Structures are given as structure tokens and as C-alpha cells.
Amino acid sequence: MTHTTVDVICSMEGGFPIILEAIDSENIQLSLDRQEYYKKYYKDVHLFGGITLIKDGQNDDK
């Protein structure tokens, strides 16, 4: 299994989260810039930082 930390940008339109993009957490400025970009097109956009993404590798194409 591999672990990585990402920032997730979501829209909360309709009362449930719609994941718009996940970005490597090492580049916070990119995450903030992308959040501002999505605010032009979606209402109620949020940035959730430090989300651990786990990939188990079992479904990888060979």
C-alpha cells in the first residue's frame, strides 16, 4: 500500500460534497489557486487539507 497526502477541493452544492479535484498537499499555493478558480463556476467551494489517500495496488493494470 502507498500513502500520500492530498488537498481536496469540494463543492457543497445540494448539501453533499462533490469532489472537484485532489492536489498533492506539498503545493498549498496551487491548492489555493485552484480553489479560487472553482469558485468562479461553483457555489460553496471548500478546501480540505491533509487528506490521506491510500492506494492498495490490487487493481493496477499490468
PDB file of N, CA and C in Angstrom:
ATOM      1  N   MET A   1       0.831  -1.184   0.000  1.00  0.00           N
ATOM      2  CA  MET A   1       0.000   0.000   0.000  1.00  0.00           C
ATOM      3  C   MET A   1       0.872   1.241   0.000  1.00  0.00           C
ATOM      4  N   THR A   2       0.421   2.223  -0.730  1.00  0.00           N
ATOM      5  CA  THR A   2       1.113   3.504  -0.728  1.00  0.00           C
ATOM      6  C   THR A   2       0.177   4.565  -0.163  1.00  0.00           C
ATOM      7  N   HIS A   3       0.768   5.501   0.555  1.00  0.00           N
ATOM      8  CA  HIS A   3       0.014   6.593   1.168  1.00  0.00           C
ATOM      9  C   HIS A   3       0.534   7.912   0.626  1.00  0.00           C
ATOM     10  N   THR A   4      -0.357   8.829   0.391  1.00  0.00           N
ATOM     11  CA  THR A   4       0.016  10.184   0.020  1.00  0.00           C
ATOM     12  C   THR A   4      -1.000  11.132   0.650  1.00  0.00           C
ATOM     13  N   THR A   5      -0.590  12.356   0.857  1.00  0.00           N
ATOM     14  CA  THR A   5      -1.481  13.349   1.448  1.00  0.00           C
ATOM     15  C   THR A   5      -1.888  14.345   0.369  1.00  0.00           C
ATOM     16  N   VAL A   6      -3.191  14.588   0.287  1.00  0.00           N
ATOM     17  CA  VAL A   6      -3.716  15.486  -0.736  1.00  0.00           C
ATOM     18  C   VAL A   6      -4.612  16.553  -0.112  1.00  0.00           C
ATOM     19  N   ASP A   7      -4.788  17.634  -0.844  1.00  0.00           N
ATOM     20  CA  ASP A   7      -5.792  18.644  -0.532  1.00  0.00           C
ATOM     21  C   ASP A   7      -6.955  18.392  -1.483  1.00  0.00           C
ATOM     22  N   VAL A   8      -8.161  18.376  -0.953  1.00  0.00           N
ATOM     23  CA  VAL A   8      -9.339  18.077  -1.762  1.00  0.00           C
ATOM     24  C   VAL A   8     -10.211  19.328  -1.855  1.00  0.00           C
ATOM     25  N   ILE A   9     -10.559  19.688  -3.077  1.00  0.00           N
ATOM     26  CA  ILE A   9     -11.452  20.819  -3.313  1.00  0.00           C
ATOM     27  C   ILE A   9     -12.832  20.249  -3.625  1.00  0.00           C
ATOM     28  N   CYS A  10     -13.825  20.681  -2.839  1.00  0.00           N
ATOM     29  CA  CYS A  10     -15.188  20.175  -2.984  1.00  0.00           C
ATOM     30  C   CYS A  10     -16.175  21.318  -3.124  1.00  0.00           C
ATOM     31  N   SER A  11     -17.254  21.035  -3.813  1.00  0.00           N
ATOM     32  CA  SER A  11     -18.416  21.916  -3.824  1.00  0.00           C
ATOM     33  C   SER A  11     -19.473  21.257  -2.952  1.00  0.00           C
ATOM     34  N   MET A  12     -20.109  22.044  -2.109  1.00  0.00           N
ATOM     35  CA  MET A  12     -21.139  21.507  -1.220  1.00  0.00           C
ATOM     36  C   MET A  12     -22.545  21.843  -1.727  1.00  0.00           C
ATOM     37  N   GLU A  13     -22.662  22.122  -3.022  1.00  0.00           N
ATOM     38  CA  GLU A  13     -23.976  22.409  -3.603  1.00  0.00           C
ATOM     39  C   GLU A  13     -24.890  21.207  -3.418  1.00  0.00           C
ATOM     40  N   GLY A  14     -26.121  21.458  -3.069  1.00  0.00           N
ATOM     41  CA  GLY A  14     -27.080  20.373  -2.909  1.00  0.00           C
ATOM     42  C   GLY A  14     -26.963  19.649  -1.586  1.00  0.00           C
ATOM     43  N   GLY A  15     -26.088  20.104  -0.694  1.00  0.00           N
ATOM     44  CA  GLY A  15     -25.992  19.519   0.636  1.00  0.00           C
ATOM     45  C   GLY A  15     -25.064  18.330   0.775  1.00  0.00           C
ATOM     46  N   PHE A  16     -24.442  17.901  -0.285  1.00  0.00           N
ATOM     47  CA  PHE A  16     -23.477  16.807  -0.185  1.00  0.00           C
ATOM     48  C   PHE A  16     -22.234  17.176  -0.988  1.00  0.00           C
ATOM     49  N   PRO A  17     -21.067  16.658  -0.580  1.00  0.00           N
ATOM     50  CA  PRO A  17     -19.821  17.074  -1.250  1.00  0.00           C
ATOM     51  C   PRO A  17     -19.678  16.491  -2.651  1.00  0.00           C
ATOM     52  N   ILE A  18     -19.246  17.340  -3.562  1.00  0.00           N
ATOM     53  CA  ILE A  18     -18.877  16.928  -4.911  1.00  0.00           C
ATOM     54  C   ILE A  18     -17.382  17.191  -5.025  1.00  0.00           C
ATOM     55  N   ILE A  19     -16.591  16.138  -5.143  1.00  0.00           N
ATOM     56  CA  ILE A  19     -15.142  16.308  -5.237  1.00  0.00           C
ATOM     57  C   ILE A  19     -14.803  16.846  -6.617  1.00  0.00           C
ATOM     58  N   LEU A  20     -14.155  17.996  -6.633  1.00  0.00           N
ATOM     59  CA  LEU A  20     -13.780  18.636  -7.890  1.00  0.00           C
ATOM     60  C   LEU A  20     -12.351  18.307  -8.282  1.00  0.00           C
ATOM     61  N   GLU A  21     -11.460  18.227  -7.284  1.00  0.00           N
ATOM     62  CA  GLU A  21     -10.053  17.977  -7.594  1.00  0.00           C
ATOM     63  C   GLU A  21      -9.316  17.582  -6.321  1.00  0.00           C
ATOM     64  N   ALA A  22      -8.318  16.724  -6.470  1.00  0.00           N
ATOM     65  CA  ALA A  22      -7.395  16.382  -5.382  1.00  0.00           C
ATOM     66  C   ALA A  22      -5.991  16.755  -5.846  1.00  0.00           C
ATOM     67  N   ILE A  23      -5.267  17.488  -4.989  1.00  0.00           N
ATOM     68  CA  ILE A  23      -3.954  18.031  -5.339  1.00  0.00           C
ATOM     69  C   ILE A  23      -2.955  17.620  -4.273  1.00  0.00           C
ATOM     70  N   ASP A  24      -1.745  17.282  -4.674  1.00  0.00           N
ATOM     71  CA  ASP A  24      -0.682  16.943  -3.731  1.00  0.00           C
ATOM     72  C   ASP A  24      -0.542  18.047  -2.684  1.00  0.00           C
ATOM     73  N   SER A  25      -0.550  17.683  -1.417  1.00  0.00           N
ATOM     74  CA  SER A  25      -0.524  18.663  -0.324  1.00  0.00           C
ATOM     75  C   SER A  25       0.762  19.467  -0.238  1.00  0.00           C
ATOM     76  N   GLU A  26       1.795  19.059  -0.941  1.00  0.00           N
ATOM     77  CA  GLU A  26       3.063  19.780  -0.859  1.00  0.00           C
ATOM     78  C   GLU A  26       2.998  21.149  -1.533  1.00  0.00           C
ATOM     79  N   ASN A  27       1.981  21.385  -2.353  1.00  0.00           N
ATOM     80  CA  ASN A  27       1.885  22.652  -3.074  1.00  0.00           C
ATOM     81  C   ASN A  27       0.615  23.395  -2.650  1.00  0.00           C
ATOM     82  N   ILE A  28       0.654  24.017  -1.472  1.00  0.00           N
ATOM     83  CA  ILE A  28      -0.535  24.680  -0.936  1.00  0.00           C
ATOM     84  C   ILE A  28      -0.966  25.861  -1.801  1.00  0.00           C
ATOM     85  N   GLN A  29      -0.020  26.560  -2.406  1.00  0.00           N
ATOM     86  CA  GLN A  29      -0.398  27.701  -3.244  1.00  0.00           C
ATOM     87  C   GLN A  29      -1.211  27.246  -4.452  1.00  0.00           C
ATOM     88  N   LEU A  30      -0.845  26.114  -5.045  1.00  0.00           N
ATOM     89  CA  LEU A  30      -1.628  25.568  -6.153  1.00  0.00           C
ATOM     90  C   LEU A  30      -3.040  25.228  -5.682  1.00  0.00           C
ATOM     91  N   SER A  31      -3.157  24.636  -4.512  1.00  0.00           N
ATOM     92  CA  SER A  31      -4.476  24.294  -3.970  1.00  0.00           C
ATOM     93  C   SER A  31      -5.335  25.537  -3.784  1.00  0.00           C
ATOM     94  N   LEU A  32      -4.741  26.596  -3.234  1.00  0.00           N
ATOM     95  CA  LEU A  32      -5.481  27.843  -3.033  1.00  0.00           C
ATOM     96  C   LEU A  32      -5.882  28.481  -4.359  1.00  0.00           C
ATOM     97  N   ASP A  33      -4.976  28.439  -5.332  1.00  0.00           N
ATOM     98  CA  ASP A  33      -5.278  28.986  -6.660  1.00  0.00           C
ATOM     99  C   ASP A  33      -6.413  28.220  -7.330  1.00  0.00           C
ATOM    100  N   ARG A  34      -6.377  26.892  -7.226  1.00  0.00           N
ATOM    101  CA  ARG A  34      -7.419  26.066  -7.842  1.00  0.00           C
ATOM    102  C   ARG A  34      -8.764  26.270  -7.144  1.00  0.00           C
ATOM    103  N   GLN A  35      -8.735  26.481  -5.823  1.00  0.00           N
ATOM    104  CA  GLN A  35      -9.969  26.767  -5.098  1.00  0.00           C
ATOM    105  C   GLN A  35     -10.606  28.055  -5.633  1.00  0.00           C
ATOM    106  N   GLU A  36      -9.797  29.079  -5.828  1.00  0.00           N
ATOM    107  CA  GLU A  36     -10.308  30.339  -6.376  1.00  0.00           C
ATOM    108  C   GLU A  36     -10.865  30.141  -7.785  1.00  0.00           C
ATOM    109  N   TYR A  37     -10.205  29.322  -8.582  1.00  0.00           N
ATOM    110  CA  TYR A  37     -10.684  29.024  -9.937  1.00  0.00           C
ATOM    111  C   TYR A  37     -12.082  28.398  -9.883  1.00  0.00           C
ATOM    112  N   TYR A  38     -12.266  27.375  -9.039  1.00  0.00           N
ATOM    113  CA  TYR A  38     -13.551  26.683  -8.959  1.00  0.00           C
ATOM    114  C   TYR A  38     -14.653  27.569  -8.395  1.00  0.00           C
ATOM    115  N   LYS A  39     -14.290  28.558  -7.576  1.00  0.00           N
ATOM    116  CA  LYS A  39     -15.297  29.480  -7.034  1.00  0.00           C
ATOM    117  C   LYS A  39     -15.981  30.288  -8.132  1.00  0.00           C
ATOM    118  N   LYS A  40     -15.347  30.394  -9.294  1.00  0.00           N
ATOM    119  CA  LYS A  40     -15.961  31.102 -10.419  1.00  0.00           C
ATOM    120  C   LYS A  40     -17.133  30.316 -11.011  1.00  0.00           C
ATOM    121  N   TYR A  41     -17.126  28.997 -10.836  1.00  0.00           N
ATOM    122  CA  TYR A  41     -18.094  28.132 -11.506  1.00  0.00           C
ATOM    123  C   TYR A  41     -19.042  27.392 -10.569  1.00  0.00           C
ATOM    124  N   TYR A  42     -18.682  27.274  -9.290  1.00  0.00           N
ATOM    125  CA  TYR A  42     -19.486  26.537  -8.319  1.00  0.00           C
ATOM    126  C   TYR A  42     -19.750  27.403  -7.099  1.00  0.00           C
ATOM    127  N   LYS A  43     -20.871  27.148  -6.445  1.00  0.00           N
ATOM    128  CA  LYS A  43     -21.175  27.809  -5.181  1.00  0.00           C
ATOM    129  C   LYS A  43     -20.625  26.959  -4.037  1.00  0.00           C
ATOM    130  N   ASP A  44     -20.345  27.593  -2.924  1.00  0.00           N
ATOM    131  CA  ASP A  44     -19.997  26.890  -1.688  1.00  0.00           C
ATOM    132  C   ASP A  44     -18.814  25.927  -1.867  1.00  0.00           C
ATOM    133  N   VAL A  45     -17.686  26.451  -2.350  1.00  0.00           N
ATOM    134  CA  VAL A  45     -16.477  25.652  -2.594  1.00  0.00           C
ATOM    135  C   VAL A  45     -15.601  25.653  -1.343  1.00  0.00           C
ATOM    136  N   HIS A  46     -15.126  24.465  -0.967  1.00  0.00           N
ATOM    137  CA  HIS A  46     -14.295  24.308   0.229  1.00  0.00           C
ATOM    138  C   HIS A  46     -13.009  23.568  -0.115  1.00  0.00           C
ATOM    139  N   LEU A  47     -11.964  23.880   0.639  1.00  0.00           N
ATOM    140  CA  LEU A  47     -10.674  23.203   0.512  1.00  0.00           C
ATOM    141  C   LEU A  47     -10.429  22.428   1.798  1.00  0.00           C
ATOM    142  N   PHE A  48     -10.298  21.112   1.685  1.00  0.00           N
ATOM    143  CA  PHE A  48      -9.996  20.254   2.822  1.00  0.00           C
ATOM    144  C   PHE A  48      -8.544  19.809   2.680  1.00  0.00           C
ATOM    145  N   GLY A  49      -7.715  20.164   3.646  1.00  0.00           N
ATOM    146  CA  GLY A  49      -6.285  19.873   3.556  1.00  0.00           C
ATOM    147  C   GLY A  49      -5.875  18.675   4.377  1.00  0.00           C
ATOM    148  N   GLY A  50      -4.816  18.010   3.913  1.00  0.00           N
ATOM    149  CA  GLY A  50      -4.209  16.921   4.669  1.00  0.00           C
ATOM    150  C   GLY A  50      -4.993  15.625   4.666  1.00  0.00           C
ATOM    151  N   ILE A  51      -5.706  15.340   3.605  1.00  0.00           N
ATOM    152  CA  ILE A  51      -6.467  14.096   3.489  1.00  0.00           C
ATOM    153  C   ILE A  51      -5.511  12.986   3.054  1.00  0.00           C
ATOM    154  N   THR A  52      -5.514  11.870   3.783  1.00  0.00           N
ATOM    155  CA  THR A  52      -4.647  10.748   3.437  1.00  0.00           C
ATOM    156  C   THR A  52      -5.324   9.886   2.381  1.00  0.00           C
ATOM    157  N   LEU A  53      -4.644   9.703   1.269  1.00  0.00           N
ATOM    158  CA  LEU A  53      -5.120   8.874   0.168  1.00  0.00           C
ATOM    159  C   LEU A  53      -4.319   7.579   0.199  1.00  0.00           C
ATOM    160  N   ILE A  54      -5.010   6.444   0.236  1.00  0.00           N
ATOM    161  CA  ILE A  54      -4.346   5.141   0.311  1.00  0.00           C
ATOM    162  C   ILE A  54      -4.628   4.380  -0.975  1.00  0.00           C
ATOM    163  N   LYS A  55      -3.576   3.906  -1.604  1.00  0.00           N
ATOM    164  CA  LYS A  55      -3.704   3.097  -2.812  1.00  0.00           C
ATOM    165  C   LYS A  55      -3.168   1.711  -2.483  1.00  0.00           C
ATOM    166  N   ASP A  56      -4.013   0.691  -2.669  1.00  0.00           N
ATOM    167  CA  ASP A  56      -3.600  -0.656  -2.290  1.00  0.00           C
ATOM    168  C   ASP A  56      -2.849  -1.394  -3.382  1.00  0.00           C
ATOM    169  N   GLY A  57      -2.940  -0.946  -4.621  1.00  0.00           N
ATOM    170  CA  GLY A  57      -2.189  -1.562  -5.708  1.00  0.00           C
ATOM    171  C   GLY A  57      -2.813  -2.825  -6.267  1.00  0.00           C
ATOM    172  N   GLN A  58      -3.913  -3.296  -5.711  1.00  0.00           N
ATOM    173  CA  GLN A  58      -4.518  -4.541  -6.171  1.00  0.00           C
ATOM    174  C   GLN A  58      -5.211  -4.399  -7.516  1.00  0.00           C
ATOM    175  N   ASN A  59      -5.627  -3.205  -7.864  1.00  0.00           N
ATOM    176  CA  ASN A  59      -6.362  -3.007  -9.114  1.00  0.00           C
ATOM    177  C   ASN A  59      -5.515  -2.363 -10.198  1.00  0.00           C
ATOM    178  N   ASP A  60      -4.204  -2.367 -10.018  1.00  0.00           N
ATOM    179  CA  ASP A  60      -3.318  -1.774 -11.013  1.00  0.00           C
ATOM    180  C   ASP A  60      -3.307  -2.612 -12.285  1.00  0.00           C
ATOM    181  N   ASP A  61      -3.301  -1.944 -13.430  1.00  0.00           N
ATOM    182  CA  ASP A  61      -3.155  -2.648 -14.709  1.00  0.00           C
ATOM    183  C   ASP A  61      -1.712  -3.084 -14.863  1.00  0.00           C
ATOM    184  N   LYS A  62      -1.524  -4.252 -15.443  1.00  0.00           N
ATOM    185  CA  LYS A  62      -0.157  -4.764 -15.617  1.00  0.00           C
ATOM    186  C   LYS A  62       0.226  -4.751 -17.058  1.00  0.00           C
TER     187      LYS A  62
END
